[in-house]
PDB file of N, CA and C in Angstrom:
ATOM      1  N   MET A   1      33.390  86.960  95.561  1.00  0.00           N
ATOM      2  CA  MET A   1      34.793  87.075  95.229  1.00  0.00           C
ATOM      3  C   MET A   1      35.117  88.529  94.923  1.00  0.00           C
ATOM      4  N   ILE A   2      36.170  89.023  95.548  1.00  0.00           N
ATOM      5  CA  ILE A   2      36.623  90.399  95.312  1.00  0.00           C
ATOM      6  C   ILE A   2      37.795  90.353  94.349  1.00  0.00           C
ATOM      7  N   VAL A   3      37.695  91.173  93.323  1.00  0.00           N
ATOM      8  CA  VAL A   3      38.756  91.237  92.317  1.00  0.00           C
ATOM      9  C   VAL A   3      39.434  92.594  92.437  1.00  0.00           C
ATOM     10  N   ASN A   4      40.736  92.576  92.529  1.00  0.00           N
ATOM     11  CA  ASN A   4      41.514  93.805  92.585  1.00  0.00           C
ATOM     12  C   ASN A   4      41.629  94.354  91.177  1.00  0.00           C
ATOM     13  N   SER A   5      41.113  95.565  90.957  1.00  0.00           N
ATOM     14  CA  SER A   5      41.130  96.131  89.608  1.00  0.00           C
ATOM     15  C   SER A   5      42.490  96.718  89.238  1.00  0.00           C
ATOM     16  N   ARG A   6      43.346  96.947  90.231  1.00  0.00           N
ATOM     17  CA  ARG A   6      44.672  97.486  89.929  1.00  0.00           C
ATOM     18  C   ARG A   6      45.633  96.343  89.657  1.00  0.00           C
ATOM     19  N   PRO A   7      46.415  96.436  88.609  1.00  0.00           N
ATOM     20  CA  PRO A   7      47.404  95.375  88.355  1.00  0.00           C
ATOM     21  C   PRO A   7      48.492  95.415  89.434  1.00  0.00           C
ATOM     22  N   ALA A   8      48.997  94.262  89.770  1.00  0.00           N
ATOM     23  CA  ALA A   8      50.074  94.178  90.758  1.00  0.00           C
ATOM     24  C   ALA A   8      51.327  94.818  90.183  1.00  0.00           C
ATOM     25  N   ARG A   9      52.008  95.626  91.008  1.00  0.00           N
ATOM     26  CA  ARG A   9      53.260  96.237  90.564  1.00  0.00           C
ATOM     27  C   ARG A   9      54.384  95.241  90.758  1.00  0.00           C
ATOM     28  N   PRO A  10      55.239  95.109  89.755  1.00  0.00           N
ATOM     29  CA  PRO A  10      56.391  94.218  89.937  1.00  0.00           C
ATOM     30  C   PRO A  10      57.349  94.824  90.948  1.00  0.00           C
ATOM     31  N   PRO A  11      58.157  93.990  91.603  1.00  0.00           N
ATOM     32  CA  PRO A  11      59.125  94.545  92.544  1.00  0.00           C
ATOM     33  C   PRO A  11      60.099  95.460  91.823  1.00  0.00           C
ATOM     34  N   PRO A  12      60.559  96.521  92.501  1.00  0.00           N
ATOM     35  CA  PRO A  12      61.524  97.415  91.860  1.00  0.00           C
ATOM     36  C   PRO A  12      62.821  96.686  91.541  1.00  0.00           C
ATOM     37  N   ARG A  13      63.467  97.113  90.476  1.00  0.00           N
ATOM     38  CA  ARG A  13      64.737  96.506  90.077  1.00  0.00           C
ATOM     39  C   ARG A  13      65.793  97.584  90.011  1.00  0.00           C
ATOM     40  N   VAL A  14      66.911  97.346  90.634  1.00  0.00           N
ATOM     41  CA  VAL A  14      68.041  98.266  90.550  1.00  0.00           C
ATOM     42  C   VAL A  14      68.912  97.770  89.410  1.00  0.00           C
ATOM     43  N   THR A  15      68.971  98.544  88.348  1.00  0.00           N
ATOM     44  CA  THR A  15      69.718  98.082  87.189  1.00  0.00           C
ATOM     45  C   THR A  15      71.087  98.729  87.061  1.00  0.00           C
ATOM     46  N   THR A  16      71.283  99.861  87.680  1.00  0.00           N
ATOM     47  CA  THR A  16      72.599 100.495  87.649  1.00  0.00           C
ATOM     48  C   THR A  16      72.906 101.010  89.040  1.00  0.00           C
ATOM     49  N   VAL A  17      74.125 100.739  89.495  1.00  0.00           N
ATOM     50  CA  VAL A  17      74.539 101.168  90.826  1.00  0.00           C
ATOM     51  C   VAL A  17      75.783 102.040  90.698  1.00  0.00           C
ATOM     52  N   LEU A  18      75.756 103.166  91.385  1.00  0.00           N
ATOM     53  CA  LEU A  18      76.891 104.074  91.460  1.00  0.00           C
ATOM     54  C   LEU A  18      77.489 103.931  92.847  1.00  0.00           C
ATOM     55  N   VAL A  19      78.792 103.667  92.917  1.00  0.00           N
ATOM     56  CA  VAL A  19      79.465 103.517  94.205  1.00  0.00           C
ATOM     57  C   VAL A  19      80.446 104.676  94.362  1.00  0.00           C
ATOM     58  N   VAL A  20      80.324 105.379  95.485  1.00  0.00           N
ATOM     59  CA  VAL A  20      81.160 106.545  95.768  1.00  0.00           C
ATOM     60  C   VAL A  20      81.925 106.279  97.062  1.00  0.00           C
ATOM     61  N   ASN A  21      83.230 106.151  96.945  1.00  0.00           N
ATOM     62  CA  ASN A  21      84.096 105.970  98.107  1.00  0.00           C
ATOM     63  C   ASN A  21      84.959 107.215  98.249  1.00  0.00           C
ATOM     64  N   ARG A  22      84.837 107.882  99.405  1.00  0.00           N
ATOM     65  CA  ARG A  22      85.635 109.077  99.675  1.00  0.00           C
ATOM     66  C   ARG A  22      86.718 108.726 100.689  1.00  0.00           C
ATOM     67  N   PHE A  23      87.853 109.405 100.559  1.00  0.00           N
ATOM     68  CA  PHE A  23      89.012 109.119 101.405  1.00  0.00           C
ATOM     69  C   PHE A  23      89.637 110.420 101.898  1.00  0.00           C
ATOM     70  N   ARG A  24      90.117 110.401 103.136  1.00  0.00           N
ATOM     71  CA  ARG A  24      90.923 111.494 103.684  1.00  0.00           C
ATOM     72  C   ARG A  24      92.365 111.016 103.678  1.00  0.00           C
ATOM     73  N   VAL A  25      93.229 111.750 102.993  1.00  0.00           N
ATOM     74  CA  VAL A  25      94.619 111.332 102.827  1.00  0.00           C
ATOM     75  C   VAL A  25      95.527 112.528 103.115  1.00  0.00           C
ATOM     76  N   THR A  26      96.488 112.335 103.995  1.00  0.00           N
ATOM     77  CA  THR A  26      97.423 113.419 104.301  1.00  0.00           C
ATOM     78  C   THR A  26      98.349 113.649 103.107  1.00  0.00           C
ATOM     79  N   PRO A  27      98.874 114.852 102.961  1.00  0.00           N
ATOM     80  CA  PRO A  27      99.793 115.133 101.844  1.00  0.00           C
ATOM     81  C   PRO A  27     100.992 114.186 101.823  1.00  0.00           C
ATOM     82  N   ASP A  28     101.473 113.788 102.991  1.00  0.00           N
ATOM     83  CA  ASP A  28     102.620 112.876 103.050  1.00  0.00           C
ATOM     84  C   ASP A  28     102.291 111.497 102.480  1.00  0.00           C
ATOM     85  N   ASP A  29     101.034 111.093 102.556  1.00  0.00           N
ATOM     86  CA  ASP A  29     100.615 109.775 102.070  1.00  0.00           C
ATOM     87  C   ASP A  29     100.023 109.789 100.665  1.00  0.00           C
ATOM     88  N   ALA A  30      99.862 110.983 100.086  1.00  0.00           N
ATOM     89  CA  ALA A  30      99.122 111.117  98.831  1.00  0.00           C
ATOM     90  C   ALA A  30      99.729 110.319  97.671  1.00  0.00           C
ATOM     91  N   SER A  31     101.030 110.358  97.484  1.00  0.00           N
ATOM     92  CA  SER A  31     101.655 109.653  96.352  1.00  0.00           C
ATOM     93  C   SER A  31     101.464 108.145  96.462  1.00  0.00           C
ATOM     94  N   GLU A  32     101.727 107.608  97.636  1.00  0.00           N
ATOM     95  CA  GLU A  32     101.564 106.172  97.856  1.00  0.00           C
ATOM     96  C   GLU A  32     100.087 105.772  97.763  1.00  0.00           C
ATOM     97  N   PHE A  33      99.213 106.608  98.306  1.00  0.00           N
ATOM     98  CA  PHE A  33      97.786 106.316  98.252  1.00  0.00           C
ATOM     99  C   PHE A  33      97.292 106.305  96.808  1.00  0.00           C
ATOM    100  N   ARG A  34      97.722 107.257  96.008  1.00  0.00           N
ATOM    101  CA  ARG A  34      97.281 107.321  94.613  1.00  0.00           C
ATOM    102  C   ARG A  34      97.634 106.039  93.869  1.00  0.00           C
ATOM    103  N   ILE A  35      98.826 105.530  94.078  1.00  0.00           N
ATOM    104  CA  ILE A  35      99.246 104.281  93.421  1.00  0.00           C
ATOM    105  C   ILE A  35      98.343 103.131  93.863  1.00  0.00           C
ATOM    106  N   ALA A  36      98.074 103.051  95.161  1.00  0.00           N
ATOM    107  CA  ALA A  36      97.214 101.984  95.683  1.00  0.00           C
ATOM    108  C   ALA A  36      95.783 102.125  95.177  1.00  0.00           C
ATOM    109  N   LEU A  37      95.283 103.363  95.101  1.00  0.00           N
ATOM    110  CA  LEU A  37      93.918 103.592  94.618  1.00  0.00           C
ATOM    111  C   LEU A  37      93.801 103.262  93.138  1.00  0.00           C
ATOM    112  N   GLU A  38      94.809 103.605  92.356  1.00  0.00           N
ATOM    113  CA  GLU A  38      94.796 103.256  90.924  1.00  0.00           C
ATOM    114  C   GLU A  38      94.806 101.741  90.748  1.00  0.00           C
ATOM    115  N   ALA A  39      95.579 101.026  91.553  1.00  0.00           N
ATOM    116  CA  ALA A  39      95.604  99.561  91.477  1.00  0.00           C
ATOM    117  C   ALA A  39      94.260  98.975  91.890  1.00  0.00           C
ATOM    118  N   ALA A  40      93.665  99.536  92.942  1.00  0.00           N
ATOM    119  CA  ALA A  40      92.345  99.071  93.382  1.00  0.00           C
ATOM    120  C   ALA A  40      91.320  99.283  92.281  1.00  0.00           C
ATOM    121  N   HIS A  41      91.362 100.449  91.650  1.00  0.00           N
ATOM    122  CA  HIS A  41      90.420 100.744  90.568  1.00  0.00           C
ATOM    123  C   HIS A  41      90.618  99.780  89.395  1.00  0.00           C
ATOM    124  N   ALA A  42      91.853  99.520  89.035  1.00  0.00           N
ATOM    125  CA  ALA A  42      92.126  98.595  87.930  1.00  0.00           C
ATOM    126  C   ALA A  42      91.593  97.199  88.243  1.00  0.00           C
ATOM    127  N   THR A  43      91.740  96.767  89.481  1.00  0.00           N
ATOM    128  CA  THR A  43      91.236  95.453  89.880  1.00  0.00           C
ATOM    129  C   THR A  43      89.716  95.425  89.809  1.00  0.00           C
ATOM    130  N   LEU A  44      89.071  96.473  90.307  1.00  0.00           N
ATOM    131  CA  LEU A  44      87.605  96.542  90.222  1.00  0.00           C
ATOM    132  C   LEU A  44      87.146  96.584  88.765  1.00  0.00           C
ATOM    133  N   ALA A  45      87.859  97.336  87.939  1.00  0.00           N
ATOM    134  CA  ALA A  45      87.489  97.476  86.531  1.00  0.00           C
ATOM    135  C   ALA A  45      87.564  96.154  85.771  1.00  0.00           C
ATOM    136  N   ALA A  46      88.360  95.220  86.257  1.00  0.00           N
ATOM    137  CA  ALA A  46      88.504  93.916  85.597  1.00  0.00           C
ATOM    138  C   ALA A  46      87.369  92.950  85.965  1.00  0.00           C
ATOM    139  N   GLN A  47      86.492  93.362  86.883  1.00  0.00           N
ATOM    140  CA  GLN A  47      85.441  92.464  87.351  1.00  0.00           C
ATOM    141  C   GLN A  47      84.222  92.498  86.445  1.00  0.00           C
ATOM    142  N   ARG A  48      83.542  91.382  86.409  1.00  0.00           N
ATOM    143  CA  ARG A  48      82.312  91.263  85.621  1.00  0.00           C
ATOM    144  C   ARG A  48      81.250  92.213  86.187  1.00  0.00           C
ATOM    145  N   GLY A  49      80.577  92.941  85.321  1.00  0.00           N
ATOM    146  CA  GLY A  49      79.522  93.861  85.730  1.00  0.00           C
ATOM    147  C   GLY A  49      79.984  95.286  85.941  1.00  0.00           C
ATOM    148  N   TYR A  50      81.300  95.524  85.889  1.00  0.00           N
ATOM    149  CA  TYR A  50      81.838  96.874  86.020  1.00  0.00           C
ATOM    150  C   TYR A  50      81.493  97.655  84.753  1.00  0.00           C
ATOM    151  N   ALA A  51      80.998  98.876  84.899  1.00  0.00           N
ATOM    152  CA  ALA A  51      80.657  99.701  83.736  1.00  0.00           C
ATOM    153  C   ALA A  51      81.699 100.786  83.499  1.00  0.00           C
ATOM    154  N   ASP A  52      82.012 101.573  84.528  1.00  0.00           N
ATOM    155  CA  ASP A  52      83.058 102.579  84.411  1.00  0.00           C
ATOM    156  C   ASP A  52      83.378 103.142  85.790  1.00  0.00           C
ATOM    157  N   GLY A  53      84.390 103.984  85.848  1.00  0.00           N
ATOM    158  CA  GLY A  53      84.767 104.576  87.121  1.00  0.00           C
ATOM    159  C   GLY A  53      85.838 105.631  86.954  1.00  0.00           C
ATOM    160  N   HIS A  54      86.032 106.390  88.023  1.00  0.00           N
ATOM    161  CA  HIS A  54      86.982 107.500  87.990  1.00  0.00           C
ATOM    162  C   HIS A  54      87.591 107.722  89.369  1.00  0.00           C
ATOM    163  N   LEU A  55      88.807 108.217  89.385  1.00  0.00           N
ATOM    164  CA  LEU A  55      89.452 108.684  90.607  1.00  0.00           C
ATOM    165  C   LEU A  55      89.424 110.198  90.567  1.00  0.00           C
ATOM    166  N   GLY A  56      89.367 110.812  91.736  1.00  0.00           N
ATOM    167  CA  GLY A  56      89.393 112.264  91.771  1.00  0.00           C
ATOM    168  C   GLY A  56      89.989 112.782  93.059  1.00  0.00           C
ATOM    169  N   GLN A  57      90.452 114.013  92.988  1.00  0.00           N
ATOM    170  CA  GLN A  57      90.959 114.718  94.156  1.00  0.00           C
ATOM    171  C   GLN A  57      90.195 116.034  94.220  1.00  0.00           C
ATOM    172  N   ASN A  58      89.708 116.375  95.397  1.00  0.00           N
ATOM    173  CA  ASN A  58      88.896 117.575  95.574  1.00  0.00           C
ATOM    174  C   ASN A  58      89.695 118.822  95.219  1.00  0.00           C
ATOM    175  N   VAL A  59      89.079 119.751  94.492  1.00  0.00           N
ATOM    176  CA  VAL A  59      89.783 120.961  94.059  1.00  0.00           C
ATOM    177  C   VAL A  59      89.978 121.964  95.188  1.00  0.00           C
ATOM    178  N   ASP A  60      89.133 121.916  96.215  1.00  0.00           N
ATOM    179  CA  ASP A  60      89.245 122.853  97.326  1.00  0.00           C
ATOM    180  C   ASP A  60      89.940 122.262  98.543  1.00  0.00           C
ATOM    181  N   ASP A  61      89.909 120.949  98.652  1.00  0.00           N
ATOM    182  CA  ASP A  61      90.512 120.258  99.798  1.00  0.00           C
ATOM    183  C   ASP A  61      91.330 119.084  99.264  1.00  0.00           C
ATOM    184  N   PRO A  62      92.621 119.279  98.990  1.00  0.00           N
ATOM    185  CA  PRO A  62      93.430 118.232  98.357  1.00  0.00           C
ATOM    186  C   PRO A  62      93.607 116.973  99.202  1.00  0.00           C
ATOM    187  N   GLU A  63      93.181 117.000 100.456  1.00  0.00           N
ATOM    188  CA  GLU A  63      93.251 115.786 101.270  1.00  0.00           C
ATOM    189  C   GLU A  63      92.049 114.879 101.046  1.00  0.00           C
ATOM    190  N   LEU A  64      91.074 115.353 100.300  1.00  0.00           N
ATOM    191  CA  LEU A  64      89.870 114.568 100.037  1.00  0.00           C
ATOM    192  C   LEU A  64      89.943 113.957  98.633  1.00  0.00           C
ATOM    193  N   TRP A  65      89.916 112.621  98.588  1.00  0.00           N
ATOM    194  CA  TRP A  65      89.969 111.863  97.343  1.00  0.00           C
ATOM    195  C   TRP A  65      88.667 111.094  97.160  1.00  0.00           C
ATOM    196  N   VAL A  66      88.393 110.683  95.933  1.00  0.00           N
ATOM    197  CA  VAL A  66      87.179 109.909  95.658  1.00  0.00           C
ATOM    198  C   VAL A  66      87.463 108.848  94.592  1.00  0.00           C
ATOM    199  N   LEU A  67      86.818 107.724  94.747  1.00  0.00           N
ATOM    200  CA  LEU A  67      86.767 106.688  93.710  1.00  0.00           C
ATOM    201  C   LEU A  67      85.297 106.450  93.438  1.00  0.00           C
ATOM    202  N   THR A  68      84.870 106.695  92.203  1.00  0.00           N
ATOM    203  CA  THR A  68      83.493 106.381  91.825  1.00  0.00           C
ATOM    204  C   THR A  68      83.539 105.243  90.825  1.00  0.00           C
ATOM    205  N   THR A  69      82.655 104.290  91.015  1.00  0.00           N
ATOM    206  CA  THR A  69      82.517 103.191  90.058  1.00  0.00           C
ATOM    207  C   THR A  69      81.045 103.011  89.758  1.00  0.00           C
ATOM    208  N   ARG A  70      80.754 102.530  88.563  1.00  0.00           N
ATOM    209  CA  ARG A  70      79.377 102.264  88.170  1.00  0.00           C
ATOM    210  C   ARG A  70      79.297 100.804  87.764  1.00  0.00           C
ATOM    211  N   TRP A  71      78.238 100.147  88.207  1.00  0.00           N
ATOM    212  CA  TRP A  71      78.064  98.707  88.018  1.00  0.00           C
ATOM    213  C   TRP A  71      76.731  98.408  87.350  1.00  0.00           C
ATOM    214  N   GLU A  72      76.666  97.286  86.635  1.00  0.00           N
ATOM    215  CA  GLU A  72      75.422  96.895  85.965  1.00  0.00           C
ATOM    216  C   GLU A  72      74.270  96.780  86.945  1.00  0.00           C
ATOM    217  N   ASN A  73      74.551  96.279  88.146  1.00  0.00           N
ATOM    218  CA  ASN A  73      73.518  96.136  89.175  1.00  0.00           C
ATOM    219  C   ASN A  73      74.198  95.898  90.519  1.00  0.00           C
ATOM    220  N   VAL A  74      73.422  95.919  91.564  1.00  0.00           N
ATOM    221  CA  VAL A  74      73.977  95.768  92.902  1.00  0.00           C
ATOM    222  C   VAL A  74      74.606  94.385  93.095  1.00  0.00           C
ATOM    223  N   GLY A  75      74.034  93.371  92.466  1.00  0.00           N
ATOM    224  CA  GLY A  75      74.588  92.026  92.570  1.00  0.00           C
ATOM    225  C   GLY A  75      75.990  91.938  91.992  1.00  0.00           C
ATOM    226  N   ALA A  76      76.206  92.582  90.841  1.00  0.00           N
ATOM    227  CA  ALA A  76      77.538  92.580  90.224  1.00  0.00           C
ATOM    228  C   ALA A  76      78.557  93.247  91.144  1.00  0.00           C
ATOM    229  N   TYR A  77      78.158  94.343  91.751  1.00  0.00           N
ATOM    230  CA  TYR A  77      79.054  95.046  92.676  1.00  0.00           C
ATOM    231  C   TYR A  77      79.396  94.165  93.880  1.00  0.00           C
ATOM    232  N   ARG A  78      78.388  93.566  94.462  1.00  0.00           N
ATOM    233  CA  ARG A  78      78.628  92.728  95.648  1.00  0.00           C
ATOM    234  C   ARG A  78      79.445  91.485  95.306  1.00  0.00           C
ATOM    235  N   ARG A  79      79.193  90.891  94.153  1.00  0.00           N
ATOM    236  CA  ARG A  79      79.998  89.728  93.740  1.00  0.00           C
ATOM    237  C   ARG A  79      81.442  90.137  93.504  1.00  0.00           C
ATOM    238  N   ALA A  80      81.657  91.307  92.925  1.00  0.00           N
ATOM    239  CA  ALA A  80      83.023  91.783  92.681  1.00  0.00           C
ATOM    240  C   ALA A  80      83.784  91.924  93.995  1.00  0.00           C
ATOM    241  N   LEU A  81      83.113  92.423  95.023  1.00  0.00           N
ATOM    242  CA  LEU A  81      83.784  92.598  96.304  1.00  0.00           C
ATOM    243  C   LEU A  81      84.222  91.278  96.930  1.00  0.00           C
ATOM    244  N   SER A  82      83.599  90.188  96.527  1.00  0.00           N
ATOM    245  CA  SER A  82      83.934  88.901  97.132  1.00  0.00           C
ATOM    246  C   SER A  82      84.984  88.114  96.352  1.00  0.00           C
ATOM    247  N   THR A  83      85.463  88.643  95.237  1.00  0.00           N
ATOM    248  CA  THR A  83      86.489  87.924  94.473  1.00  0.00           C
ATOM    249  C   THR A  83      87.849  88.029  95.156  1.00  0.00           C
ATOM    250  N   TYR A  84      88.678  87.041  94.900  1.00  0.00           N
ATOM    251  CA  TYR A  84      89.996  86.974  95.530  1.00  0.00           C
ATOM    252  C   TYR A  84      90.836  88.210  95.200  1.00  0.00           C
ATOM    253  N   ASP A  85      90.903  88.577  93.911  1.00  0.00           N
ATOM    254  CA  ASP A  85      91.733  89.713  93.496  1.00  0.00           C
ATOM    255  C   ASP A  85      91.294  91.015  94.164  1.00  0.00           C
ATOM    256  N   VAL A  86      89.979  91.224  94.257  1.00  0.00           N
ATOM    257  CA  VAL A  86      89.476  92.443  94.890  1.00  0.00           C
ATOM    258  C   VAL A  86      89.782  92.434  96.383  1.00  0.00           C
ATOM    259  N   LYS A  87      89.593  91.283  97.030  1.00  0.00           N
ATOM    260  CA  LYS A  87      89.914  91.198  98.458  1.00  0.00           C
ATOM    261  C   LYS A  87      91.392  91.482  98.712  1.00  0.00           C
ATOM    262  N   LEU A  88      92.235  91.042  97.801  1.00  0.00           N
ATOM    263  CA  LEU A  88      93.678  91.210  97.956  1.00  0.00           C
ATOM    264  C   LEU A  88      94.133  92.641  97.655  1.00  0.00           C
ATOM    265  N   THR A  89      93.598  93.233  96.589  1.00  0.00           N
ATOM    266  CA  THR A  89      94.100  94.518  96.107  1.00  0.00           C
ATOM    267  C   THR A  89      93.225  95.712  96.485  1.00  0.00           C
ATOM    268  N   ALA A  90      91.924  95.592  96.300  1.00  0.00           N
ATOM    269  CA  ALA A  90      91.041  96.751  96.473  1.00  0.00           C
ATOM    270  C   ALA A  90      90.515  96.920  97.897  1.00  0.00           C
ATOM    271  N   VAL A  91      90.156  95.838  98.548  1.00  0.00           N
ATOM    272  CA  VAL A  91      89.541  95.954  99.874  1.00  0.00           C
ATOM    273  C   VAL A  91      90.439  96.675 100.880  1.00  0.00           C
ATOM    274  N   PRO A  92      91.758  96.416 100.911  1.00  0.00           N
ATOM    275  CA  PRO A  92      92.585  97.173 101.855  1.00  0.00           C
ATOM    276  C   PRO A  92      92.513  98.692 101.631  1.00  0.00           C
ATOM    277  N   VAL A  93      92.397  99.111 100.376  1.00  0.00           N
ATOM    278  CA  VAL A  93      92.283 100.545 100.074  1.00  0.00           C
ATOM    279  C   VAL A  93      90.872 101.027 100.410  1.00  0.00           C
ATOM    280  N   LEU A  94      89.859 100.282 100.000  1.00  0.00           N
ATOM    281  CA  LEU A  94      88.477 100.676 100.263  1.00  0.00           C
ATOM    282  C   LEU A  94      88.192 100.767 101.761  1.00  0.00           C
ATOM    283  N   SER A  95      88.882  99.980 102.546  1.00  0.00           N
ATOM    284  CA  SER A  95      88.664 100.013 103.996  1.00  0.00           C
ATOM    285  C   SER A  95      89.136 101.326 104.612  1.00  0.00           C
ATOM    286  N   ARG A  96      89.893 102.106 103.864  1.00  0.00           N
ATOM    287  CA  ARG A  96      90.342 103.422 104.336  1.00  0.00           C
ATOM    288  C   ARG A  96      89.323 104.523 104.038  1.00  0.00           C
ATOM    289  N   SER A  97      88.227 104.171 103.376  1.00  0.00           N
ATOM    290  CA  SER A  97      87.263 105.198 102.977  1.00  0.00           C
ATOM    291  C   SER A  97      86.528 105.772 104.184  1.00  0.00           C
ATOM    292  N   VAL A  98      85.993 106.958 103.984  1.00  0.00           N
ATOM    293  CA  VAL A  98      85.190 107.629 104.999  1.00  0.00           C
ATOM    294  C   VAL A  98      83.996 106.735 105.315  1.00  0.00           C
ATOM    295  N   GLU A  99      83.686 106.581 106.596  1.00  0.00           N
ATOM    296  CA  GLU A  99      82.605 105.700 107.033  1.00  0.00           C
ATOM    297  C   GLU A  99      81.256 106.331 106.687  1.00  0.00           C
ATOM    298  N   GLU A 100      80.675 105.898 105.569  1.00  0.00           N
ATOM    299  CA  GLU A 100      79.370 106.376 105.127  1.00  0.00           C
ATOM    300  C   GLU A 100      78.843 105.407 104.074  1.00  0.00           C
ATOM    301  N   PRO A 101      77.536 105.375 103.864  1.00  0.00           N
ATOM    302  CA  PRO A 101      76.999 104.516 102.803  1.00  0.00           C
ATOM    303  C   PRO A 101      77.607 104.914 101.456  1.00  0.00           C
ATOM    304  N   SER A 102      77.894 103.923 100.614  1.00  0.00           N
ATOM    305  CA  SER A 102      78.616 104.234  99.373  1.00  0.00           C
ATOM    306  C   SER A 102      77.886 103.831  98.098  1.00  0.00           C
ATOM    307  N   ALA A 103      76.887 102.969  98.159  1.00  0.00           N
ATOM    308  CA  ALA A 103      76.209 102.500  96.949  1.00  0.00           C
ATOM    309  C   ALA A 103      74.910 103.268  96.738  1.00  0.00           C
ATOM    310  N   TYR A 104      74.741 103.780  95.524  1.00  0.00           N
ATOM    311  CA  TYR A 104      73.569 104.578  95.158  1.00  0.00           C
ATOM    312  C   TYR A 104      72.947 104.000  93.897  1.00  0.00           C
ATOM    313  N   GLU A 105      71.618 104.032  93.831  1.00  0.00           N
ATOM    314  CA  GLU A 105      70.988 103.673  92.572  1.00  0.00           C
ATOM    315  C   GLU A 105      70.880 104.928  91.719  1.00  0.00           C
ATOM    316  N   ILE A 106      71.008 104.759  90.415  1.00  0.00           N
ATOM    317  CA  ILE A 106      70.895 105.869  89.480  1.00  0.00           C
ATOM    318  C   ILE A 106      69.421 106.260  89.401  1.00  0.00           C
ATOM    319  N   VAL A 107      69.146 107.560  89.520  1.00  0.00           N
ATOM    320  CA  VAL A 107      67.770 108.051  89.491  1.00  0.00           C
ATOM    321  C   VAL A 107      67.511 108.715  88.148  1.00  0.00           C
ATOM    322  N   THR A 108      66.464 108.263  87.491  1.00  0.00           N
ATOM    323  CA  THR A 108      66.011 108.845  86.236  1.00  0.00           C
ATOM    324  C   THR A 108      64.566 109.313  86.448  1.00  0.00           C
ATOM    325  N   PRO A 109      63.983 110.011  85.486  1.00  0.00           N
ATOM    326  CA  PRO A 109      62.593 110.449  85.666  1.00  0.00           C
ATOM    327  C   PRO A 109      61.610 109.294  85.924  1.00  0.00           C
ATOM    328  N   THR A 110      61.933 108.092  85.479  1.00  0.00           N
ATOM    329  CA  THR A 110      61.005 106.973  85.669  1.00  0.00           C
ATOM    330  C   THR A 110      61.410 106.037  86.808  1.00  0.00           C
ATOM    331  N   THR A 111      62.475 106.365  87.536  1.00  0.00           N
ATOM    332  CA  THR A 111      62.940 105.496  88.614  1.00  0.00           C
ATOM    333  C   THR A 111      61.955 105.489  89.767  1.00  0.00           C
ATOM    334  N   ARG A 112      61.612 104.283  90.208  1.00  0.00           N
ATOM    335  CA  ARG A 112      60.871 104.137  91.462  1.00  0.00           C
ATOM    336  C   ARG A 112      61.916 104.179  92.563  1.00  0.00           C
ATOM    337  N   LEU A 113      61.811 105.149  93.429  1.00  0.00           N
ATOM    338  CA  LEU A 113      62.860 105.386  94.410  1.00  0.00           C
ATOM    339  C   LEU A 113      63.002 104.259  95.422  1.00  0.00           C
ATOM    340  N   ASN A 114      64.193 104.177  95.957  1.00  0.00           N
ATOM    341  CA  ASN A 114      64.587 103.171  96.930  1.00  0.00           C
ATOM    342  C   ASN A 114      63.626 103.117  98.113  1.00  0.00           C
ATOM    343  N   ARG A 115      63.274 101.901  98.499  1.00  0.00           N
ATOM    344  CA  ARG A 115      62.455 101.681  99.689  1.00  0.00           C
ATOM    345  C   ARG A 115      63.123 100.620 100.532  1.00  0.00           C
ATOM    346  N   SER A 116      62.754 100.583 101.768  1.00  0.00           N
ATOM    347  CA  SER A 116      63.319  99.591 102.688  1.00  0.00           C
ATOM    348  C   SER A 116      62.577  98.279 102.543  1.00  0.00           C
ATOM    349  N   GLU A 117      62.860  97.584 101.453  1.00  0.00           N
ATOM    350  CA  GLU A 117      62.255  96.282 101.198  1.00  0.00           C
ATOM    351  C   GLU A 117      63.162  95.501 100.250  1.00  0.00           C
ATOM    352  N   PRO A 118      63.064  94.209 100.264  1.00  0.00           N
ATOM    353  CA  PRO A 118      63.904  93.416  99.350  1.00  0.00           C
ATOM    354  C   PRO A 118      63.588  93.756  97.896  1.00  0.00           C
ATOM    355  N   ARG A 119      64.631  93.737  97.085  1.00  0.00           N
ATOM    356  CA  ARG A 119      64.455  94.017  95.663  1.00  0.00           C
ATOM    357  C   ARG A 119      65.120  92.938  94.843  1.00  0.00           C
ATOM    358  N   GLU A 120      64.642  92.779  93.670  1.00  0.00           N
ATOM    359  CA  GLU A 120      65.135  91.768  92.749  1.00  0.00           C
ATOM    360  C   GLU A 120      66.301  92.346  91.951  1.00  0.00           C
ATOM    361  N   THR A 121      67.316  91.535  91.706  1.00  0.00           N
ATOM    362  CA  THR A 121      68.409  91.929  90.827  1.00  0.00           C
ATOM    363  C   THR A 121      68.424  90.962  89.652  1.00  0.00           C
ATOM    364  N   PRO A 122      68.784  91.475  88.477  1.00  0.00           N
ATOM    365  CA  PRO A 122      68.785  90.593  87.299  1.00  0.00           C
ATOM    366  C   PRO A 122      69.840  89.522  87.397  1.00  0.00           C
TER     367      PRO A 122
END
């Protein structure tokens, strides 16, 4: 019988997720877009698992906007996206975001970095 002397590593857990949505908005659409983005943010903020978030406009390129949100975990973020209120209010705005990956795990000195494998969520 062969015994593995190394303890098995538990699967990595993503406990905090940062979501970054960037938008290109023309000056003519900026006022209307800001109202819609604020409403989308408020709807997301009302969801279970939401931690915090911010809206921003780039200081060098005023056509570039951002919505950042932080979630307890990836599951909370994904569940929030499937709620009726978010589909009605936030998804139409989020669909205008720049086409790029938007969810990031928070990296700390002890974080086991993201790998291409299934992970457990709390």
